[in-house]
Protein backbone atom coordinates (compact mmCIF):
# COMPACT_ATOMS: atom_id res chain seq x y z
CA MET A 1 0.00 0.00 0.00
CA ASP A 2 1.28 3.47 -0.92
CA CYS A 3 -0.23 5.24 2.06
CA CYS A 4 1.09 8.73 1.34
CA ASN A 5 -1.39 9.24 -1.48
CA ASP A 6 -4.22 8.71 0.98
CA ALA A 7 -2.79 10.54 3.97
CA LEU A 8 -4.78 13.71 3.59
CA ILE A 9 -8.03 11.75 3.76
CA PHE A 10 -7.28 11.13 7.41
CA THR A 11 -5.82 14.53 8.31
CA TYR A 12 -9.03 15.72 9.93
CA ALA A 13 -9.10 12.73 12.26
CA THR A 14 -5.40 12.60 13.10
CA GLY A 15 -4.32 16.22 12.82
CA ASN A 16 -1.16 15.09 11.04
CA ALA A 17 -0.85 14.83 7.28
CA ASN A 18 2.60 13.22 7.61
CA PHE A 19 1.60 10.38 9.90
CA CYS A 20 2.14 7.71 7.26
CA GLU A 21 5.64 8.60 6.20
CA LYS A 22 7.34 5.80 8.13
CA ASN A 23 5.72 2.66 6.81
CA ASP A 24 2.52 0.89 5.98
CA ARG A 25 2.16 -0.53 9.47
CA LEU A 26 1.94 2.93 10.99
CA PHE A 27 -0.62 3.85 8.37
CA ALA A 28 -2.76 0.85 9.27
CA LEU A 29 -2.52 1.65 12.96
CA SER A 30 -3.58 5.23 12.29
CA VAL A 31 -6.62 4.08 10.34
CA VAL A 32 -7.62 1.79 13.19
CA SER A 33 -7.27 4.64 15.67
CA ILE A 34 -9.61 6.80 13.61
CA TRP A 35 -12.41 4.26 13.88
CA ILE A 36 -11.76 3.89 17.58
CA LEU A 37 -11.64 7.61 18.37
CA PHE A 38 -14.47 8.87 16.18
CA MET A 39 -18.07 7.70 16.07
CA LYS A 40 -20.61 9.33 13.79
CA PHE A 41 -24.34 8.87 14.38
CA ILE A 42 -26.87 9.91 11.75
CA SER A 43 -30.64 10.05 12.15
CA PHE A 44 -32.81 10.25 9.05
CA ASN A 45 -36.57 10.10 8.61
CA ILE A 46 -36.40 8.60 5.15
CA ASN A 47 -40.18 8.69 4.58
CA GLY A 48 -40.25 5.35 2.79
CA LEU A 49 -37.12 3.24 2.43
CA ARG A 50 -38.18 1.68 -0.86
CA ALA A 51 -38.98 5.11 -2.30
CA ARG A 52 -35.66 6.72 -1.38
CA PRO A 53 -32.71 4.31 -1.52
CA HIS A 54 -30.82 6.97 -3.49
CA GLN A 55 -30.83 9.24 -0.45
CA LEU A 56 -29.56 6.49 1.84
CA GLU A 57 -26.76 5.62 -0.56
CA ALA A 58 -25.77 9.28 -0.91
CA LEU A 59 -25.81 9.72 2.86
CA ILE A 60 -23.48 6.76 3.36
CA GLU A 61 -21.13 7.79 0.56
CA LYS A 62 -20.84 11.30 1.97
CA HIS A 63 -20.69 10.66 5.72
CA GLN A 64 -19.59 7.04 6.24
CA PRO A 65 -21.42 7.01 9.59
CA ASP A 66 -20.87 4.34 12.20
CA VAL A 67 -24.55 4.16 13.14
CA ILE A 68 -27.58 5.15 11.08
CA GLY A 69 -31.07 5.41 12.51
CA LEU A 70 -33.86 5.42 9.94
CA GLN A 71 -37.46 6.34 10.68
CA GLU A 72 -40.65 5.89 8.68
CA ILE A 73 -39.26 3.00 6.67
CA LYS A 74 -42.89 2.10 5.84
CA VAL A 75 -42.34 -1.58 5.18
CA ALA A 76 -43.35 -4.73 7.03
CA ASP A 77 -40.57 -6.90 8.40
CA GLU A 78 -41.44 -9.77 6.08
CA ASP A 79 -41.16 -7.47 3.05
CA PHE A 80 -37.97 -5.68 4.07
CA PRO A 81 -36.00 -4.77 0.90
CA TRP A 82 -32.70 -6.47 1.62
CA ASP A 83 -31.65 -5.92 -1.99
CA LEU A 84 -31.48 -2.17 -1.27
CA VAL A 85 -29.21 -2.44 1.78
CA ASN A 86 -27.15 -5.64 1.59
CA HIS A 87 -24.38 -3.99 -0.41
CA LEU A 88 -23.97 -0.97 1.88
CA GLY A 89 -21.54 -2.57 4.34
CA TYR A 90 -23.69 -2.43 7.48
CA HIS A 91 -25.38 -4.78 9.90
CA VAL A 92 -29.07 -4.01 9.39
CA PHE A 93 -31.90 -4.42 11.88
CA HIS A 94 -35.50 -3.37 11.32
CA HIS A 95 -38.81 -3.12 13.14
CA GLY A 96 -41.55 -2.30 10.68
CA GLN A 97 -45.12 -2.63 9.59
CA LYS A 98 -46.94 -2.27 6.29
CA GLY A 99 -47.40 1.24 4.96
CA HIS A 100 -46.73 3.23 8.12
CA TYR A 101 -44.12 4.02 10.76
CA GLY A 102 -41.24 1.59 11.12
CA VAL A 103 -37.61 2.06 12.15
CA ALA A 104 -34.25 0.55 11.26
CA LEU A 105 -30.71 0.59 12.61
CA LEU A 106 -27.62 0.21 10.45
CA THR A 107 -24.35 -0.34 12.32
CA LYS A 108 -20.81 -0.84 11.07
CA LYS A 109 -19.96 -2.90 14.13
CA GLU A 110 -22.17 -5.82 15.04
CA PRO A 111 -24.17 -4.96 18.17
CA LEU A 112 -24.01 -6.98 21.34
CA ALA A 113 -27.81 -6.95 21.50
CA VAL A 114 -30.79 -5.51 19.63
CA ARG A 115 -34.22 -4.78 21.12
CA LYS A 116 -37.41 -3.84 19.31
CA GLY A 117 -40.08 -1.71 20.93
CA PHE A 118 -40.54 -1.10 24.64
CA PRO A 119 -41.12 -3.92 27.15
CA THR A 120 -44.52 -2.33 27.84
CA ASP A 121 -45.65 -2.59 24.19
CA ASP A 122 -48.63 -4.79 23.47
CA ALA A 123 -49.13 -6.84 20.32
CA ASP A 124 -50.83 -3.96 18.52
CA ALA A 125 -48.20 -1.33 19.32
CA GLN A 126 -46.98 0.73 16.39
CA LYS A 127 -43.44 -0.11 15.30
CA ARG A 128 -41.59 3.03 16.39
CA MET A 129 -38.52 2.10 18.46
CA ILE A 130 -35.41 0.00 17.97
CA MET A 131 -32.37 -0.14 20.27
CA ALA A 132 -28.91 -1.68 20.26
CA ASP A 133 -25.96 -2.10 22.60
CA ILE A 134 -22.61 -1.52 20.88
CA GLU A 135 -19.12 -2.02 22.26
CA THR A 136 -17.20 1.26 21.82
CA GLU A 137 -14.21 3.09 23.23
CA PHE A 138 -16.71 4.98 25.38
CA GLY A 139 -17.92 1.70 26.89
CA VAL A 140 -21.00 -0.31 25.99
CA LEU A 141 -23.13 2.33 24.29
CA THR A 142 -26.90 2.02 24.04
CA VAL A 143 -28.45 3.69 21.02
CA LEU A 144 -32.21 4.17 20.80
CA ASN A 145 -33.68 5.10 17.43
CA GLY A 146 -37.28 6.26 17.48
CA TYR A 147 -40.02 7.57 15.28
CA PHE A 148 -41.99 9.52 17.86
CA PRO A 149 -45.72 10.09 17.29
CA GLN A 150 -46.60 13.45 15.78
CA GLY A 151 -49.66 13.91 17.98
CA GLU A 152 -51.52 16.24 15.60
CA ASN A 153 -53.31 18.38 18.21
CA ARG A 154 -53.76 18.34 21.98
CA ALA A 155 -57.49 17.94 21.39
CA HIS A 156 -57.08 14.77 19.33
CA GLU A 157 -58.63 11.87 21.20
CA THR A 158 -56.07 9.23 20.25
CA LYS A 159 -52.99 10.75 18.60
CA PHE A 160 -52.04 13.19 21.35
CA PRO A 161 -52.40 10.63 24.16
CA ALA A 162 -50.33 8.21 22.04
CA LYS A 163 -47.54 10.77 21.82
CA GLU A 164 -47.65 11.40 25.55
CA LYS A 165 -47.56 7.65 26.23
CA PHE A 166 -44.60 7.11 23.92
CA TYR A 167 -42.55 9.72 25.75
CA ALA A 168 -43.66 8.26 29.09
CA ASP A 169 -42.67 4.76 27.94
CA LEU A 170 -39.25 6.05 26.92
CA GLN A 171 -38.80 7.81 30.24
CA HIS A 172 -39.79 4.69 32.14
CA TYR A 173 -37.42 2.56 30.09
CA LEU A 174 -34.51 4.89 30.75
CA GLU A 175 -35.20 5.04 34.47
CA THR A 176 -35.67 1.30 34.93
CA GLU A 177 -33.30 -0.26 32.39
CA LEU A 178 -30.44 2.22 31.84
CA THR A 179 -28.32 4.69 33.76
CA PRO A 180 -27.25 8.14 32.52
CA GLU A 181 -23.74 7.46 33.79
CA ASN A 182 -23.33 5.08 30.85
CA PRO A 183 -23.08 6.22 27.21
CA ILE A 184 -26.54 6.64 25.68
CA VAL A 185 -27.66 8.08 22.35
CA ILE A 186 -31.33 8.72 21.63
CA MET A 187 -31.97 9.84 18.09
CA GLY A 188 -34.84 10.11 15.72
CA ASP A 189 -37.75 12.13 14.50
CA MET A 190 -38.82 13.28 17.94
CA ASN A 191 -41.58 15.55 16.60
CA ILE A 192 -40.90 18.33 19.11
CA SER A 193 -39.06 21.60 18.49
CA PRO A 194 -37.04 21.97 21.71
CA THR A 195 -36.86 25.78 21.79
CA ASP A 196 -38.27 28.74 19.89
CA LEU A 197 -34.92 28.91 18.07
CA ASP A 198 -35.99 25.67 16.40
CA ILE A 199 -39.17 27.14 14.90
CA GLY A 200 -38.85 28.53 11.40
CA ILE A 201 -42.44 28.83 10.22
CA GLY A 202 -42.84 32.54 10.99
CA GLU A 203 -44.14 34.24 14.11
CA PRO A 204 -47.79 34.43 12.97
CA ASN A 205 -47.82 30.67 12.34
CA ARG A 206 -46.07 29.96 15.65
CA LYS A 207 -48.74 31.90 17.53
CA ARG A 208 -51.54 30.28 15.55
CA TRP A 209 -50.22 26.76 16.18
CA LEU A 210 -50.04 27.46 19.91
CA ARG A 211 -53.49 29.01 19.95
CA ASP A 212 -54.99 26.08 18.06
CA GLY A 213 -53.15 23.45 20.11
CA LYS A 214 -51.22 22.10 17.13
CA CYS A 215 -48.34 19.82 18.04
CA SER A 216 -44.60 20.46 17.84
CA PHE A 217 -43.86 23.05 20.50
CA LEU A 218 -46.74 22.95 22.97
CA PRO A 219 -45.70 23.63 26.57
CA GLU A 220 -46.56 20.10 27.67
CA GLU A 221 -44.50 18.62 24.83
CA ARG A 222 -41.48 20.58 25.96
CA GLU A 223 -42.08 19.31 29.47
CA TRP A 224 -41.65 15.76 28.11
CA LEU A 225 -38.30 16.79 26.65
CA ASP A 226 -37.34 18.50 29.90
CA ARG A 227 -37.80 15.20 31.72
CA LEU A 228 -35.29 13.61 29.37
CA TYR A 229 -32.86 16.46 30.01
CA ASN A 230 -33.37 16.11 33.75
CA TYR A 231 -32.61 12.40 33.46
CA GLY A 232 -29.21 13.36 32.11
CA LEU A 233 -29.52 13.79 28.36
CA VAL A 234 -28.24 16.65 26.20
CA ASP A 235 -29.41 18.01 22.84
CA THR A 236 -26.08 17.77 21.02
CA PHE A 237 -26.97 20.19 18.23
CA ARG A 238 -28.07 22.93 20.61
CA VAL A 239 -24.95 22.57 22.75
CA MET A 240 -22.75 22.96 19.67
CA ASN A 241 -24.93 25.69 18.14
CA PRO A 242 -26.35 27.64 21.10
CA GLN A 243 -27.62 30.65 19.12
CA ALA A 244 -28.53 29.11 15.76
CA ASN A 245 -32.07 30.08 14.78
CA ASP A 246 -32.09 29.18 11.08
CA LYS A 247 -31.29 25.46 11.12
CA PHE A 248 -34.21 23.11 10.53
CA SER A 249 -34.63 19.43 9.72
CA TRP A 250 -38.23 19.21 8.47
CA PHE A 251 -39.75 21.17 5.62
CA ASP A 252 -43.35 20.92 4.46
CA TYR A 253 -43.82 19.52 0.97
CA ARG A 254 -47.07 21.32 0.23
CA SER A 255 -45.93 24.85 1.05
CA LYS A 256 -42.47 24.24 -0.48
CA GLY A 257 -40.90 25.25 2.80
CA PHE A 258 -37.46 24.00 1.81
CA ASP A 259 -37.19 26.60 -0.95
CA ASP A 260 -37.06 29.46 1.53
CA ASN A 261 -35.89 27.64 4.68
CA ARG A 262 -39.26 27.50 6.42
CA GLY A 263 -39.28 24.50 8.71
CA LEU A 264 -38.81 23.01 12.15
CA ARG A 265 -35.94 21.30 13.92
CA ILE A 266 -37.64 18.18 15.20
CA ASP A 267 -35.00 15.54 14.38
CA LEU A 268 -32.61 15.26 17.30
CA VAL A 269 -29.56 13.42 18.57
CA LEU A 270 -29.59 13.35 22.36
CA ALA A 271 -26.64 12.01 24.33
CA SER A 272 -25.96 11.28 27.98
CA LYS A 273 -23.90 14.07 29.55
CA GLY A 274 -20.67 12.11 29.78
CA LEU A 275 -20.84 11.12 26.14
CA ALA A 276 -22.00 14.60 25.09
CA GLY A 277 -18.76 15.94 26.51
CA HIS A 278 -17.02 14.08 23.67
CA CYS A 279 -19.23 15.59 20.95
CA VAL A 280 -17.09 17.51 18.45
CA GLU A 281 -19.47 18.08 15.55
CA THR A 282 -23.16 18.22 14.74
CA GLY A 283 -25.05 19.13 11.62
CA ILE A 284 -28.08 18.98 9.36
CA ASP A 285 -27.50 17.80 5.80
CA LEU A 286 -29.49 20.05 3.52
CA GLU A 287 -27.70 18.71 0.44
CA ILE A 288 -29.36 15.34 0.97
CA ARG A 289 -32.71 17.10 1.45
CA ALA A 290 -32.17 18.96 -1.84
CA MET A 291 -31.91 15.75 -3.89
CA GLU A 292 -34.55 14.66 -6.38
CA LYS A 293 -37.59 12.92 -4.86
CA PRO A 294 -36.47 13.64 -1.28
CA SER A 295 -37.89 12.91 2.11
CA ASP A 296 -39.43 15.94 3.78
CA HIS A 297 -36.75 15.56 6.47
CA ALA A 298 -33.01 16.20 6.32
CA PRO A 299 -30.51 13.85 7.99
CA VAL A 300 -29.02 15.10 11.26
CA TRP A 301 -25.78 13.93 12.81
CA ALA A 302 -23.42 14.05 15.76
CA VAL A 303 -19.76 13.02 15.96
CA PHE A 304 -18.13 11.87 19.19
CA LYS A 305 -14.37 11.73 19.72
């Protein structure tokens, strides 16, 4: 291997463009250290896996993430399109149902364990959560990938209570099965804008949504997020971008919100505080959102070193 031609590829991770000059063995060791020291998590509401494999492939080619959480895969487990993912170089796990909802995890490293749904789910529960334990340099890391209910409106008889229950089930799971002292990542389409900085639909619309009880940033919804923060989780994007008020992850198709950056930041990567201290980069990939036949969501990511 002539490593010097490839050295600059790894400069960002190593901080040293001359690290390979001794021999191939040092080059190989440096490559290994990159995978050990850096972990990239990407969450993407793909809005139909079979409809948008081009976006998944572009995401992987661009980011080479260690863990990908997909939401709204919209395919039953028995019909999962293995032909679209087998060549991507990931271990793939899915929890889906026909036509609606559904989540998947793609991991470069084989997990120690994978769990689907919450222990409290009944047989009719919507397929919205998948988790995995992964051995990392940070310890055994638990990643939870969820497609959280949208809720529609606080007056809705079934959808709003379902959203409240999902957040309560997550809170209960964290408090009974995990500890915030260990590395935890919760990512997904969480369907809540954490702060007013995350609302980009215009002030008149913000006031109207609140007045009408429309979901996304109702006070009670933010209380559900606050409970997660109080447990010991951190919104990685907001920590890295404390004043950003023009970064959004969802854009309405019908009003062509993407064309003039009208949207909401509702796709999040939360991390336990200890792990969040290792976060060195976050972002929202608008280039993927700008592709032909896109999801209405943009991928979001966090990198831990």
